[in-house]
Structures are given as structure tokens and as C-alpha cells.
N, C-alpha and C. Protein backbone atom coordinates (compact mmCIF):
# COMPACT_ATOMS: atom_id res chain seq x y z
N UNK A 1 113.93 95.98 95.35
CA UNK A 1 112.68 95.28 95.16
C UNK A 1 112.69 94.61 93.79
N UNK A 2 112.61 93.31 93.77
CA UNK A 2 112.70 92.58 92.50
C UNK A 2 111.34 92.24 91.92
N UNK A 3 110.25 92.51 92.67
CA UNK A 3 108.93 92.15 92.19
C UNK A 3 108.35 93.17 91.23
N UNK A 4 107.49 92.69 90.35
CA UNK A 4 106.92 93.54 89.32
C UNK A 4 105.45 93.19 89.13
N UNK A 5 104.64 94.23 88.86
CA UNK A 5 103.23 94.07 88.53
C UNK A 5 102.92 94.94 87.33
N UNK A 6 102.01 94.52 86.47
CA UNK A 6 101.46 95.36 85.40
C UNK A 6 102.51 96.08 84.57
N UNK A 7 103.26 95.36 83.82
CA UNK A 7 104.32 95.95 83.00
C UNK A 7 103.78 96.44 81.66
N UNK A 8 104.46 97.43 81.09
CA UNK A 8 104.13 97.96 79.78
C UNK A 8 105.42 98.14 78.98
N UNK A 9 105.46 97.53 77.80
CA UNK A 9 106.63 97.61 76.93
C UNK A 9 106.41 98.75 75.95
N UNK A 10 107.37 99.69 75.88
CA UNK A 10 107.24 100.83 74.95
C UNK A 10 107.16 100.32 73.52
N UNK A 11 106.40 101.01 72.68
CA UNK A 11 106.13 100.54 71.32
C UNK A 11 107.38 100.33 70.47
N UNK A 12 108.46 101.05 70.75
CA UNK A 12 109.69 100.85 69.98
C UNK A 12 110.60 99.79 70.63
N UNK A 13 110.15 99.21 71.75
CA UNK A 13 110.92 98.15 72.40
C UNK A 13 112.08 98.62 73.26
N UNK A 14 112.27 99.93 73.43
CA UNK A 14 113.45 100.45 74.10
C UNK A 14 113.29 100.63 75.61
N UNK A 15 112.08 100.34 76.16
CA UNK A 15 111.89 100.56 77.59
C UNK A 15 110.70 99.72 78.08
N UNK A 16 110.79 99.29 79.33
CA UNK A 16 109.67 98.66 80.02
C UNK A 16 109.36 99.49 81.25
N UNK A 17 108.07 99.80 81.43
CA UNK A 17 107.60 100.45 82.65
C UNK A 17 106.85 99.41 83.45
N UNK A 18 106.99 99.46 84.78
CA UNK A 18 106.19 98.55 85.60
C UNK A 18 105.97 99.15 86.98
N UNK A 19 104.92 98.64 87.63
CA UNK A 19 104.66 98.98 89.03
C UNK A 19 105.33 97.90 89.86
N UNK A 20 106.21 98.32 90.75
CA UNK A 20 106.93 97.36 91.59
C UNK A 20 106.01 96.88 92.71
N UNK A 21 106.37 95.77 93.33
CA UNK A 21 105.58 95.27 94.45
C UNK A 21 105.68 96.19 95.66
N UNK A 22 106.63 97.12 95.67
CA UNK A 22 106.69 98.12 96.74
C UNK A 22 106.00 99.43 96.32
N UNK A 23 105.13 99.34 95.28
CA UNK A 23 104.29 100.45 94.82
C UNK A 23 105.09 101.65 94.30
N UNK A 24 106.02 101.39 93.42
CA UNK A 24 106.79 102.43 92.73
C UNK A 24 106.66 102.22 91.22
N UNK A 25 106.64 103.31 90.45
CA UNK A 25 106.69 103.21 89.00
C UNK A 25 108.16 103.17 88.62
N UNK A 26 108.55 102.14 87.86
CA UNK A 26 109.95 101.90 87.53
C UNK A 26 110.10 101.81 86.01
N UNK A 27 111.16 102.39 85.48
CA UNK A 27 111.50 102.31 84.06
C UNK A 27 112.80 101.53 83.91
N UNK A 28 112.80 100.63 82.93
CA UNK A 28 114.01 99.85 82.64
C UNK A 28 114.33 100.01 81.16
N UNK A 29 115.48 100.60 80.82
CA UNK A 29 115.87 100.68 79.41
C UNK A 29 116.19 99.28 78.88
N UNK A 30 115.86 99.05 77.62
CA UNK A 30 116.07 97.74 77.00
C UNK A 30 116.90 97.91 75.74
N UNK A 31 117.93 97.09 75.62
CA UNK A 31 118.73 97.04 74.39
C UNK A 31 118.56 95.68 73.76
N UNK A 32 118.37 95.68 72.47
CA UNK A 32 118.30 94.41 71.75
C UNK A 32 119.71 94.03 71.35
N UNK A 33 120.13 92.84 71.79
CA UNK A 33 121.46 92.36 71.47
C UNK A 33 121.45 91.63 70.14
N UNK A 34 122.50 90.92 69.87
CA UNK A 34 122.57 90.15 68.62
C UNK A 34 121.60 88.98 68.70
N UNK A 35 121.02 88.66 67.57
CA UNK A 35 120.04 87.59 67.53
C UNK A 35 118.79 87.98 68.29
N UNK A 36 118.35 87.09 69.16
CA UNK A 36 117.14 87.35 69.94
C UNK A 36 117.43 87.72 71.38
N UNK A 37 118.64 88.15 71.69
CA UNK A 37 118.97 88.47 73.08
C UNK A 37 118.48 89.87 73.46
N UNK A 38 118.10 89.99 74.71
CA UNK A 38 117.62 91.26 75.26
C UNK A 38 118.55 91.63 76.41
N UNK A 39 118.98 92.90 76.43
CA UNK A 39 119.87 93.38 77.48
C UNK A 39 119.15 94.46 78.28
N UNK A 40 118.56 94.09 79.45
CA UNK A 40 117.92 95.11 80.26
C UNK A 40 118.95 96.00 80.94
N UNK A 41 118.64 97.29 81.04
CA UNK A 41 119.52 98.23 81.72
C UNK A 41 119.21 98.27 83.21
N UNK A 42 119.67 99.31 83.86
CA UNK A 42 119.48 99.48 85.30
C UNK A 42 118.08 100.06 85.55
N UNK A 43 117.27 99.39 86.38
CA UNK A 43 115.95 99.93 86.71
C UNK A 43 116.07 101.29 87.40
N UNK A 44 115.16 102.21 87.02
CA UNK A 44 115.17 103.56 87.59
C UNK A 44 113.79 103.88 88.14
N UNK A 45 113.73 104.19 89.44
CA UNK A 45 112.46 104.57 90.05
C UNK A 45 112.05 105.93 89.51
N UNK A 46 110.79 106.03 89.04
CA UNK A 46 110.28 107.30 88.55
C UNK A 46 109.55 108.05 89.65
N UNK A 47 108.66 107.36 90.37
CA UNK A 47 107.91 107.97 91.47
C UNK A 47 107.18 106.90 92.25
N UNK A 48 106.68 107.27 93.43
CA UNK A 48 105.89 106.36 94.26
C UNK A 48 104.46 106.30 93.76
N UNK A 49 103.81 105.17 94.01
CA UNK A 49 102.42 104.98 93.58
C UNK A 49 101.51 104.56 94.74
N UNK A 50 101.50 105.29 95.84
CA UNK A 50 100.63 104.88 96.94
C UNK A 50 99.16 105.09 96.59
N UNK A 51 98.32 104.14 96.95
CA UNK A 51 96.88 104.28 96.71
C UNK A 51 96.45 104.22 95.27
N UNK A 52 97.28 103.67 94.40
CA UNK A 52 96.95 103.60 92.98
C UNK A 52 96.08 102.38 92.71
N UNK A 53 94.96 102.63 92.05
CA UNK A 53 94.06 101.54 91.69
C UNK A 53 94.48 100.92 90.36
N UNK A 54 94.80 101.75 89.39
CA UNK A 54 95.15 101.26 88.06
C UNK A 54 95.95 102.33 87.33
N UNK A 55 96.64 101.93 86.28
CA UNK A 55 97.39 102.89 85.49
C UNK A 55 97.49 102.39 84.05
N UNK A 56 97.75 103.31 83.15
CA UNK A 56 98.00 102.98 81.75
C UNK A 56 98.96 104.02 81.20
N UNK A 57 99.55 103.72 80.08
CA UNK A 57 100.59 104.58 79.52
C UNK A 57 100.43 104.64 78.01
N UNK A 58 100.80 105.80 77.43
CA UNK A 58 100.79 105.90 75.97
C UNK A 58 101.88 105.01 75.39
N UNK A 59 101.75 104.65 74.13
CA UNK A 59 102.70 103.76 73.48
C UNK A 59 104.13 104.26 73.50
N UNK A 60 104.31 105.58 73.49
CA UNK A 60 105.66 106.15 73.51
C UNK A 60 106.18 106.41 74.93
N UNK A 61 105.37 106.06 75.95
CA UNK A 61 105.72 106.23 77.37
C UNK A 61 105.95 107.68 77.77
N UNK A 62 105.35 108.63 77.04
CA UNK A 62 105.51 110.04 77.39
C UNK A 62 104.45 110.52 78.37
N UNK A 63 103.31 109.79 78.46
CA UNK A 63 102.23 110.17 79.37
C UNK A 63 101.72 108.93 80.10
N UNK A 64 101.48 109.11 81.39
CA UNK A 64 100.96 108.02 82.21
C UNK A 64 99.65 108.49 82.83
N UNK A 65 98.61 107.69 82.67
CA UNK A 65 97.31 107.96 83.26
C UNK A 65 97.17 107.10 84.50
N UNK A 66 96.83 107.72 85.64
CA UNK A 66 96.77 107.01 86.91
C UNK A 66 95.39 107.20 87.53
N UNK A 67 94.76 106.09 87.93
CA UNK A 67 93.50 106.13 88.66
C UNK A 67 93.83 105.92 90.14
N UNK A 68 93.55 106.93 90.94
CA UNK A 68 93.87 106.86 92.38
C UNK A 68 92.62 106.57 93.19
N UNK A 69 92.80 105.90 94.28
CA UNK A 69 91.74 105.66 95.24
C UNK A 69 91.78 106.79 96.27
N UNK A 70 90.66 107.48 96.41
CA UNK A 70 90.58 108.55 97.42
C UNK A 70 89.76 108.03 98.58
N UNK A 71 90.39 107.92 99.70
CA UNK A 71 89.72 107.38 100.87
C UNK A 71 88.77 108.38 101.52
N UNK A 72 88.88 109.65 101.18
CA UNK A 72 88.01 110.65 101.77
C UNK A 72 86.72 110.85 100.98
N UNK A 73 86.59 110.20 99.83
CA UNK A 73 85.39 110.30 99.03
C UNK A 73 84.89 108.91 98.69
N UNK A 74 83.62 108.71 98.82
CA UNK A 74 83.03 107.44 98.46
C UNK A 74 81.57 107.67 98.07
N UNK A 75 81.01 106.69 97.40
CA UNK A 75 79.61 106.76 97.00
C UNK A 75 78.77 106.24 98.15
N UNK A 76 77.86 107.06 98.64
CA UNK A 76 77.06 106.69 99.81
C UNK A 76 75.84 105.87 99.42
N UNK A 77 75.36 106.03 98.19
CA UNK A 77 74.16 105.30 97.78
C UNK A 77 74.23 104.97 96.30
N UNK A 78 73.56 103.93 95.94
CA UNK A 78 73.46 103.53 94.54
C UNK A 78 71.97 103.42 94.20
N UNK A 79 71.56 104.03 93.12
CA UNK A 79 70.17 103.94 92.68
C UNK A 79 70.05 102.81 91.66
N UNK A 80 69.04 101.97 91.85
CA UNK A 80 68.79 100.86 90.94
C UNK A 80 67.40 101.05 90.36
N UNK A 81 67.33 101.10 89.05
CA UNK A 81 66.03 101.26 88.38
C UNK A 81 65.48 99.88 88.04
N UNK A 82 64.28 99.59 88.56
CA UNK A 82 63.62 98.33 88.21
C UNK A 82 62.37 98.66 87.41
N UNK A 83 61.97 97.77 86.59
CA UNK A 83 60.80 97.95 85.71
C UNK A 83 60.95 99.19 84.83
N UNK A 84 62.17 99.50 84.41
CA UNK A 84 62.42 100.69 83.61
C UNK A 84 61.83 100.57 82.21
N UNK A 85 61.66 99.35 81.71
CA UNK A 85 61.06 99.19 80.37
C UNK A 85 59.61 99.62 80.38
N UNK A 86 58.89 99.36 81.49
CA UNK A 86 57.48 99.78 81.58
C UNK A 86 57.38 101.30 81.60
N UNK A 87 58.34 101.95 82.25
CA UNK A 87 58.37 103.41 82.29
C UNK A 87 58.55 103.97 80.88
N UNK A 88 59.41 103.37 80.09
CA UNK A 88 59.63 103.84 78.72
C UNK A 88 58.41 103.60 77.86
N UNK A 89 57.79 102.43 78.00
CA UNK A 89 56.60 102.10 77.20
C UNK A 89 55.44 103.03 77.49
N UNK A 90 55.34 103.54 78.70
CA UNK A 90 54.22 104.40 79.07
C UNK A 90 54.37 105.83 78.52
N UNK A 91 55.50 106.14 77.98
CA UNK A 91 55.74 107.51 77.46
C UNK A 91 55.28 107.65 76.05
């Protein structure tokens, strides 16, 4: 899979993490060559990401925070407060 979404470059420049278009978390080691050249290493699948809504990673890539979509739980109702300023003023 050559597609990539939502990439994150490690703070020291030695690795890129990304979510592949086939929903996998992938790590690619990066070497800085002479001058301004970049030498990417072999991509390595870390794990699958089915049902992932969003993700973020610490600068050192040691921890990944993942927001998952749970299809068995949902919000059934939303409460909307109208005229809330009048309620506050009356107190």
C-alpha cells in the first residue's frame, strides 16, 4: 500500500509515522544524507487501525493516542439550553 494519511515526523527527524490508506499505522526510518538529501528506510507496519477516528503521537514517537469510533455506543439525545442568560440573571 503506497498511500498515506496524517503523517507525523519524529522531533529528531529519524522517523515518520503515518496511517496508510489501508488503515495501518506504519513507521518509516529516515536517514539524512549528504546535503539536503533524505533516505527513507523500509516501511514497517506497527498495527492495524480499524475504526480509528483520529490519532496523535508524542514528539519522540514513544506514545500514540488513538480516538476510536465505537459503533455500539452513541449519544441518543442532545440537550440545548436556550435563554440561558435570563436564567443566570434571575439568580
